[in-house]
Protein backbone atom coordinates (compact mmCIF):
# COMPACT_ATOMS: atom_id res chain seq x y z
CA MET A 1 -0.21 0.00 -0.29
CA ALA A 2 0.92 3.35 -1.14
CA ASP A 3 1.82 6.15 2.03
CA PHE A 4 1.88 9.43 1.27
CA ALA A 5 2.46 12.23 3.54
CA ASP A 6 -0.12 14.76 4.93
CA ASN A 7 1.53 18.11 3.10
CA GLU A 8 1.76 19.40 0.01
CA ASP A 9 4.34 17.13 -1.15
CA GLY A 10 2.44 14.24 -0.62
CA ALA A 11 -0.59 15.75 -2.10
CA ALA A 12 1.57 16.44 -5.45
CA GLN A 13 2.49 12.36 -4.79
CA ARG A 14 -0.70 11.40 -4.41
CA LEU A 15 -1.93 13.02 -7.63
CA ASP A 16 1.25 11.54 -9.88
CA TYR A 17 0.30 7.91 -8.13
CA LEU A 18 -3.26 8.43 -9.43
CA LYS A 19 -2.13 9.91 -12.97
CA GLU A 20 0.09 6.93 -13.44
CA HIS A 21 -2.67 4.55 -12.63
CA GLY A 22 -4.70 5.72 -15.14
CA VAL A 23 -7.13 8.13 -13.25
CA GLU A 24 -8.38 10.95 -14.56
CA VAL A 25 -7.40 13.99 -12.98
CA GLU A 26 -7.28 17.06 -14.21
CA THR A 27 -6.50 20.32 -12.50
CA VAL A 28 -7.79 24.32 -13.17
CA GLU A 29 -4.52 24.81 -15.16
CA ASP A 30 -5.19 21.29 -17.49
CA ARG A 31 -8.63 22.93 -18.07
CA SER A 32 -7.29 25.99 -19.30
CA ARG A 33 -4.68 24.82 -21.34
CA ALA A 34 -7.03 22.33 -23.18
CA ALA A 35 -9.73 25.14 -23.72
CA GLU A 36 -7.13 27.65 -25.26
CA ALA A 37 -5.80 24.53 -27.43
CA ALA A 38 -9.37 23.89 -28.62
CA ALA A 39 -9.89 27.21 -29.68
CA THR A 40 -7.23 26.76 -32.21
CA THR A 41 -6.76 23.16 -33.20
CA VAL A 42 -10.46 21.76 -33.67
CA ALA A 43 -10.59 22.76 -37.26
CA PRO A 44 -6.95 21.25 -38.40
CA LEU A 45 -7.79 18.20 -36.06
CA MET A 46 -11.26 17.41 -37.65
CA ALA A 47 -9.34 18.25 -41.05
CA GLN A 48 -6.55 15.65 -39.95
CA LEU A 49 -9.17 13.22 -39.10
CA GLN A 50 -10.90 13.18 -42.41
CA VAL A 51 -7.34 12.90 -43.99
CA SER A 52 -6.55 9.65 -41.70
CA LEU A 53 -9.96 7.98 -42.26
CA SER A 54 -9.34 8.18 -46.42
CA GLY A 55 -5.54 7.77 -46.75
CA PRO A 56 -2.78 5.26 -44.71
CA ALA A 57 -1.59 6.26 -41.45
CA SER A 58 1.96 7.67 -41.06
CA SER A 59 4.29 5.12 -39.76
CA ASP A 60 6.20 7.65 -37.63
CA ASP A 61 3.01 8.72 -35.78
CA PRO A 62 1.04 6.54 -33.05
CA THR A 63 -2.22 4.62 -34.50
CA PHE A 64 -5.34 4.45 -32.81
CA VAL A 65 -8.85 2.38 -34.00
CA LEU A 66 -11.94 3.15 -35.27
CA VAL A 67 -14.66 0.74 -34.58
CA PRO A 68 -17.77 1.42 -36.53
CA GLN A 69 -21.10 0.44 -34.94
CA ASP A 70 -21.82 -1.20 -37.94
CA ALA A 71 -20.37 -4.42 -37.79
CA SER A 72 -20.40 -4.82 -41.50
CA LEU A 73 -17.84 -2.23 -41.87
CA PRO A 74 -14.01 -3.28 -40.58
CA PHE A 75 -11.92 -1.64 -38.13
CA ARG A 76 -10.28 1.62 -39.41
CA GLN A 77 -6.55 2.39 -38.20
CA LEU A 78 -5.87 5.91 -38.26
CA SER A 79 -2.86 8.29 -37.22
CA LEU A 80 -2.55 10.46 -34.29
CA THR A 81 -0.65 13.28 -36.51
CA ALA A 82 1.86 15.18 -34.66
CA ALA A 83 1.34 17.92 -36.88
CA ALA A 84 -0.72 20.02 -34.14
CA PRO A 85 0.09 18.57 -30.66
CA LEU A 86 -2.06 19.79 -27.56
CA PRO A 87 -0.23 21.43 -24.72
CA GLY A 88 0.24 19.50 -21.33
CA ASN A 89 0.99 16.20 -20.06
CA ARG A 90 -2.20 14.31 -21.38
CA ASP A 91 -3.74 11.82 -23.42
CA GLN A 92 -3.87 13.43 -27.36
CA ILE A 93 -6.58 11.63 -28.34
CA PRO A 94 -10.02 12.66 -26.18
CA ASP A 95 -9.52 16.38 -28.06
CA TYR A 96 -8.28 14.72 -31.40
CA VAL A 97 -11.33 12.69 -31.87
CA LYS A 98 -13.57 15.56 -30.34
CA PRO A 99 -15.01 16.92 -33.59
CA TYR A 100 -16.27 13.39 -34.49
CA PHE A 101 -18.63 13.36 -32.21
CA ALA A 102 -20.10 16.76 -32.61
CA ASP A 103 -23.47 16.72 -34.41
CA SER A 104 -27.08 18.17 -34.24
CA ARG A 105 -29.16 15.14 -33.13
CA SER A 106 -31.11 16.12 -29.99
CA VAL A 107 -31.06 13.84 -26.54
CA ASP A 108 -33.93 12.05 -25.41
CA ALA A 109 -35.00 14.32 -22.70
CA GLY A 110 -36.88 11.98 -20.68
CA LEU A 111 -33.87 9.56 -20.75
CA LEU A 112 -31.59 12.70 -19.59
CA ALA A 113 -33.80 13.14 -16.37
CA GLN A 114 -32.96 9.63 -15.42
CA GLN A 115 -29.57 9.38 -16.39
CA ALA A 116 -27.97 12.97 -16.35
CA THR A 117 -27.39 13.92 -12.68
CA LYS A 118 -25.26 10.50 -11.93
CA GLN A 119 -23.66 10.05 -15.31
CA PHE A 120 -23.04 13.56 -16.84
CA THR A 121 -20.87 15.35 -14.37
CA SER A 122 -18.08 16.41 -16.55
CA GLY A 123 -15.81 19.69 -16.80
CA LYS A 124 -17.98 20.43 -19.87
CA LEU A 125 -21.21 20.36 -17.88
CA LYS A 126 -19.64 22.76 -14.64
CA GLU A 127 -18.59 24.71 -17.57
CA LEU A 128 -22.25 25.12 -18.85
CA GLY A 129 -23.56 26.09 -15.28
CA THR A 130 -25.71 22.94 -15.19
CA GLU A 131 -24.69 20.88 -12.21
CA GLY A 132 -27.87 19.71 -10.11
CA ASN A 133 -30.18 21.11 -13.14
CA ILE A 134 -28.92 19.53 -16.62
CA SER A 135 -31.46 20.60 -19.14
CA ALA A 136 -31.93 18.69 -22.52
CA ALA A 137 -30.96 22.21 -24.28
CA ALA A 138 -27.50 22.37 -22.27
CA MET A 139 -26.85 18.52 -23.18
CA ASN A 140 -27.88 19.61 -27.23
CA ARG A 141 -25.36 22.21 -26.93
CA VAL A 142 -22.64 19.27 -25.65
CA ALA A 143 -23.83 17.34 -28.36
CA ALA A 144 -23.19 19.95 -31.08
CA GLN A 145 -19.70 20.59 -29.74
CA GLY A 146 -18.80 16.96 -29.11
CA SER A 147 -17.99 15.33 -25.82
CA VAL A 148 -15.69 12.40 -25.30
CA GLU A 149 -15.91 9.97 -22.80
CA THR A 150 -12.55 7.61 -22.02
CA PHE A 151 -13.79 3.99 -20.45
CA PRO A 152 -10.31 2.05 -19.64
CA LEU A 153 -10.27 -1.53 -21.17
CA VAL A 154 -6.92 -2.12 -19.52
CA HIS A 155 -5.83 0.27 -16.46
CA PRO A 156 -1.73 1.15 -16.47
CA ALA A 157 0.21 -0.73 -14.07
CA ASP A 158 3.50 -2.03 -13.39
CA THR A 159 2.69 -5.43 -14.55
CA ASN A 160 1.82 -3.54 -18.15
CA ASP A 161 4.96 -0.94 -18.12
CA PHE A 162 2.10 1.73 -17.39
CA THR A 163 0.59 1.33 -20.32
CA GLY A 164 -3.65 1.11 -20.59
CA VAL A 165 -5.99 0.56 -23.14
CA TYR A 166 -9.20 2.93 -23.53
CA ILE A 167 -12.23 2.90 -25.47
CA TYR A 168 -13.32 6.78 -27.08
CA LEU A 169 -17.16 7.47 -26.90
CA ASP A 170 -19.63 9.55 -27.57
CA GLU A 171 -20.36 11.06 -23.98
CA VAL A 172 -24.07 11.60 -24.72
CA GLY A 173 -24.54 8.69 -27.43
CA LEU A 174 -26.82 7.07 -25.41
CA LEU A 175 -29.12 10.23 -24.91
CA LYS A 176 -28.88 10.31 -28.67
CA LYS A 177 -30.10 6.92 -28.79
CA LEU A 178 -27.61 6.05 -31.18
CA PRO A 179 -27.16 2.32 -32.29
CA PRO A 180 -25.30 0.06 -29.61
CA ASN A 181 -21.79 -0.79 -30.79
CA ALA A 182 -21.84 -4.79 -30.17
CA ARG A 183 -18.12 -5.08 -31.07
CA ALA A 184 -17.03 -2.73 -28.79
CA THR A 185 -19.19 -4.50 -26.16
CA GLN A 186 -17.88 -7.86 -26.94
CA ILE A 187 -14.01 -6.32 -26.39
CA ALA A 188 -14.92 -4.92 -23.03
CA LEU A 189 -16.47 -8.44 -22.25
CA ALA A 190 -13.06 -10.11 -23.04
CA CYS A 191 -11.48 -8.09 -20.84
CA GLY A 192 -13.22 -9.42 -17.51
CA PHE A 193 -16.23 -6.47 -17.59
CA ASN A 194 -19.10 -8.87 -16.92
CA PRO A 195 -21.79 -7.60 -17.26
CA PRO A 196 -20.13 -5.50 -19.62
CA PRO A 197 -21.08 -1.80 -20.63
CA SER A 198 -23.15 -0.74 -23.49
CA PHE A 199 -21.32 1.46 -26.01
CA TYR A 200 -23.59 3.72 -28.42
CA GLY A 201 -22.63 4.46 -32.08
CA ASP A 202 -18.80 4.47 -33.49
CA VAL A 203 -16.32 4.22 -30.65
CA PHE A 204 -12.12 4.61 -30.98
CA ILE A 205 -9.73 2.52 -29.18
CA GLY A 206 -6.37 3.52 -27.81
CA ARG A 207 -3.18 3.18 -25.90
CA CYS A 208 -1.58 5.56 -23.39
CA GLN A 209 1.41 5.10 -21.37
CA THR A 210 1.57 7.25 -18.23
CA LYS A 211 4.83 6.25 -16.43
CA LYS A 212 8.31 6.13 -18.29
CA ASN A 213 11.51 5.39 -16.34
CA GLY A 214 10.09 5.91 -13.02
CA ALA A 215 8.37 9.50 -14.17
CA THR A 216 5.07 10.55 -14.38
CA ALA A 217 4.65 11.17 -18.39
CA MET A 218 1.70 10.67 -20.92
CA LYS A 219 2.63 9.56 -23.98
CA ASN A 220 0.40 7.85 -26.68
CA LEU A 221 1.31 4.21 -27.83
CA SER A 222 -0.06 2.84 -31.26
CA PHE A 223 -2.78 0.64 -31.23
CA ASP A 224 -3.01 -2.02 -34.02
CA ALA A 225 -6.61 -2.53 -36.32
CA GLU A 226 -5.51 -6.23 -36.99
CA LYS A 227 -3.60 -7.75 -33.92
CA ASP A 228 -4.92 -5.90 -31.32
CA THR A 229 -8.50 -6.50 -32.13
CA ASP A 230 -8.18 -9.71 -32.42
CA LYS A 231 -9.28 -11.96 -29.00
CA GLY A 232 -6.29 -13.80 -28.64
CA ALA A 233 -4.28 -10.40 -28.24
CA GLU A 234 -1.74 -10.73 -25.14
CA TRP A 235 -2.91 -7.32 -23.89
CA MET A 236 -6.55 -8.74 -23.89
CA ARG A 237 -5.58 -11.99 -22.35
CA ARG A 238 -3.67 -10.29 -19.43
CA ALA A 239 -6.44 -7.62 -18.95
CA VAL A 240 -8.59 -9.66 -16.30
CA SER A 241 -5.77 -9.82 -14.07
CA GLU A 242 -4.67 -6.62 -14.40
CA ASN A 243 -7.68 -4.81 -13.93
CA LEU A 244 -8.32 -7.01 -10.90
CA ALA A 245 -4.62 -5.95 -9.39
CA TRP A 246 -5.66 -2.38 -10.19
CA GLN A 247 -8.57 -2.07 -8.45
CA GLN A 248 -7.01 -3.63 -5.31
CA SER A 249 -4.54 -0.89 -5.50
CA MET A 250 -7.07 1.69 -5.83
CA ASN A 251 -8.59 0.36 -3.08
CA ASN A 252 -5.55 0.57 -0.88
CA ILE A 253 -5.08 4.32 -1.88
CA THR A 254 -8.65 5.60 -1.36
CA GLY A 255 -9.85 3.15 1.58
CA ARG A 256 -12.82 2.11 -0.22
CA SER A 257 -13.92 -1.18 -1.84
CA ASP A 258 -15.66 -0.65 -5.02
CA SER A 259 -16.93 -2.86 -7.59
CA GLN A 260 -18.70 -2.82 -10.96
CA PRO A 261 -22.15 -1.68 -10.42
CA ALA A 262 -24.81 -4.03 -12.14
CA LYS A 263 -26.91 -2.86 -14.89
CA ALA A 264 -30.53 -1.95 -14.24
CA GLY A 265 -32.28 -5.25 -13.70
CA GLU A 266 -29.77 -7.10 -14.87
CA ASP A 267 -27.64 -10.03 -12.75
CA GLY A 268 -30.31 -10.44 -9.51
CA ASN A 269 -30.55 -6.52 -9.50
CA VAL A 270 -34.30 -5.76 -9.65
CA ALA A 271 -35.11 -2.17 -10.83
CA LYS A 272 -37.55 -0.73 -8.72
CA GLU A 273 -40.09 2.02 -10.20
CA GLY A 274 -43.11 3.75 -8.74
CA PHE A 275 -45.46 1.41 -10.83
CA GLY A 276 -43.22 -1.99 -9.34
CA GLU A 277 -40.28 -3.53 -10.75
CA TRP A 278 -38.60 -5.19 -13.78
CA THR A 279 -35.70 -7.45 -14.40
CA GLN A 280 -34.00 -8.09 -17.68
CA ASN A 281 -31.65 -10.46 -19.61
CA ASP A 282 -30.24 -10.34 -23.34
CA ASP A 283 -33.51 -11.30 -24.71
CA GLU A 284 -36.31 -10.73 -22.39
CA VAL A 285 -37.44 -7.76 -20.21
CA GLU A 286 -40.37 -9.22 -17.29
CA ILE A 287 -42.30 -6.22 -15.60
CA THR A 288 -44.11 -7.04 -12.18
CA PHE A 289 -47.03 -4.84 -11.23
CA PRO A 290 -48.44 -5.55 -7.77
CA PHE A 291 -52.10 -4.69 -6.96
CA GLU A 292 -53.71 -4.29 -3.52
CA ASP A 293 -56.09 -6.37 -3.49
CA ALA A 294 -56.84 -9.81 -5.96
CA VAL A 295 -58.44 -8.94 -9.30
CA ASP A 296 -60.37 -10.79 -11.49
CA LYS A 297 -58.47 -12.01 -14.58
CA LYS A 298 -61.38 -11.40 -16.74
CA LYS A 299 -61.38 -7.84 -16.31
CA LEU A 300 -57.57 -7.22 -16.97
CA ARG A 301 -56.64 -6.58 -20.65
CA VAL A 302 -52.66 -5.81 -21.47
CA ASP A 303 -52.37 -4.29 -24.60
CA PHE A 304 -48.59 -5.02 -26.60
CA ARG A 305 -47.25 -2.59 -29.26
CA ARG A 306 -44.04 -2.19 -30.85
CA GLN A 307 -42.82 0.44 -27.83
CA THR A 308 -45.90 0.71 -25.53
CA VAL A 309 -47.46 -1.56 -23.10
CA LYS A 310 -51.19 -0.40 -22.06
CA VAL A 311 -52.79 -2.14 -18.93
CA ALA A 312 -56.06 -1.90 -18.13
CA LEU A 313 -58.49 -3.17 -15.37
CA ALA A 314 -62.54 -3.10 -15.83
CA GLY A 315 -61.99 -0.98 -18.77
CA VAL A 316 -59.50 1.97 -16.70
CA THR A 317 -56.15 2.03 -18.14
CA THR A 318 -53.87 1.74 -15.05
CA HIS A 319 -50.30 1.58 -16.72
CA GLU A 320 -49.23 2.85 -19.97
CA LEU A 321 -45.70 2.03 -20.64
CA THR A 322 -43.08 3.67 -22.88
CA LEU A 323 -40.23 1.18 -23.68
CA TYR A 324 -36.68 2.31 -24.20
CA SER A 325 -36.40 -0.27 -27.48
CA LYS A 326 -39.23 -1.96 -29.73
CA VAL A 327 -40.15 -5.43 -28.42
CA ASP A 328 -41.44 -8.56 -30.55
CA VAL A 329 -45.14 -8.22 -30.30
CA ASP A 330 -46.08 -11.70 -31.19
CA ASN A 331 -43.67 -13.01 -28.30
CA CYS A 332 -44.89 -11.05 -25.47
CA THR A 333 -46.91 -13.03 -22.95
CA TRP A 334 -48.59 -11.96 -19.15
CA THR A 335 -49.96 -13.53 -16.38
CA LEU A 336 -51.67 -13.09 -13.33
CA ASP A 337 -49.52 -14.46 -10.33
CA GLY A 338 -51.83 -15.23 -7.36
CA GLY A 339 -54.27 -12.58 -8.19
CA LYS A 340 -52.18 -9.78 -6.82
CA SER A 341 -49.29 -9.49 -9.23
CA LEU A 342 -49.44 -8.88 -13.10
CA VAL A 343 -46.30 -10.03 -14.55
CA VAL A 344 -45.66 -9.43 -18.21
CA THR A 345 -42.74 -10.37 -20.40
CA LEU A 346 -41.48 -8.56 -23.01
CA GLU A 347 -39.14 -10.36 -25.98
CA LYS A 348 -36.37 -7.91 -27.20
CA ALA A 349 -36.53 -6.83 -30.98
CA GLU A 350 -33.08 -6.00 -30.26
CA PRO A 351 -31.55 -9.05 -28.21
CA SER A 352 -28.72 -8.02 -26.03
CA VAL A 353 -29.43 -3.91 -25.92
CA SER A 354 -29.40 -3.30 -22.38
CA TRP A 355 -32.67 -1.25 -21.12
CA PRO A 356 -31.62 1.50 -18.81
CA ARG A 357 -35.69 2.63 -18.36
CA VAL A 358 -39.04 1.76 -18.14
CA THR A 359 -41.52 4.72 -17.77
CA ASP A 360 -45.23 4.89 -16.98
CA SER A 361 -47.22 7.74 -18.46
CA ALA A 362 -50.16 6.74 -16.63
């Protein structure tokens, strides 16, 4: 366990330790430098990205990989050109790919209300003055400017020469309701994330070294579109044990015992809502509606539509659900359990898509 003095030197040592192990730590100076650089480099970065997408990568520059959401499209190897390097001791890829995620698609306001406060607390949102009250308009501004989230597939540690592998994704891809990226999710599963996170839209994968020869120093290293995306790649085979070692190291320094949170309704994690509760797996969503008193099954009606479910008792609508994704209506069923619990089973039209919510508008 690392020990640090309770003074200014100890604080600096702790900061270096966290950076070396891939923890994102951004100082006021870092944000200032990044904002200044972004004002002058966004257009050149986008131009360089377009060139990289259409031509071969330079052998002199670190490479990274585009993983299209459309699985029929191949992985694309890109070059992190050094023509306009950003200042500061930082991973260059997030700022480099930021323009790729900038678009005019609007976010889902209903999904934002549920997800925003627990997932979107980045520096960008703080700059917009939206902390604690994140509006759809504010998130649309973020979407228009481009916002990058970094997800560590492998954390840097002494066992891998302090070299991490990361997924770079659209931070508001879920809110834009972009299609899921199945290949990115499968790579995360191979790295030991179980259940694996869901990624939405196109993503990038890159490699970054955080420490060299005993000194804290960020440096992007090449990630190859062919050998590094193969499930037999050495870095992927070692990922499970290295991530466990990293988590133990972080628990030691923070005094916490974090574990990967289960998704809504998955792995025995029952999601509770005002109307009842629900669970899900790759193929189905099961929703349970409790009644205070026993009801007559003959008076109960459940109407299944592609993305809604309506429940009526004695001709009166009691529940009207808006579903996150479409269902196969012909294979949806319901049953009355003990006369006091309605159990609805929905077959997902898009298997393996994880639902973050079920909303009752009745």
